[in-house]
C-alpha cells in the first residue's frame, strides 16, 4: 500500500525534524 509507505516516510521525517538537531 502506498499510503502505508507514505505514512512510514512521514513518521520518519517527522521524527527526524523533531528529534534531529
Protein backbone atom coordinates (compact mmCIF):
# COMPACT_ATOMS: atom_id res chain seq x y z
CA UNK A 1 0.00 0.00 0.00
CA UNK A 2 1.39 3.36 -1.00
CA UNK A 3 -0.49 5.04 1.84
CA UNK A 4 1.34 2.87 4.36
CA UNK A 5 4.69 3.78 2.83
CA UNK A 6 3.78 7.46 2.83
CA UNK A 7 2.79 7.23 6.48
CA UNK A 8 6.05 5.49 7.32
CA UNK A 9 8.06 8.15 5.49
CA UNK A 10 6.05 10.95 7.09
CA UNK A 11 6.68 9.47 10.53
CA UNK A 12 10.38 9.11 9.81
CA UNK A 13 10.67 12.67 8.55
CA UNK A 14 8.64 13.98 11.48
CA UNK A 15 10.89 12.21 13.96
CA UNK A 16 13.97 13.39 12.08
CA UNK A 17 12.80 17.02 12.20
CA UNK A 18 11.53 16.91 15.78
CA UNK A 19 14.35 14.86 17.26
CA UNK A 20 17.13 15.83 14.89
CA UNK A 21 19.30 18.76 15.86
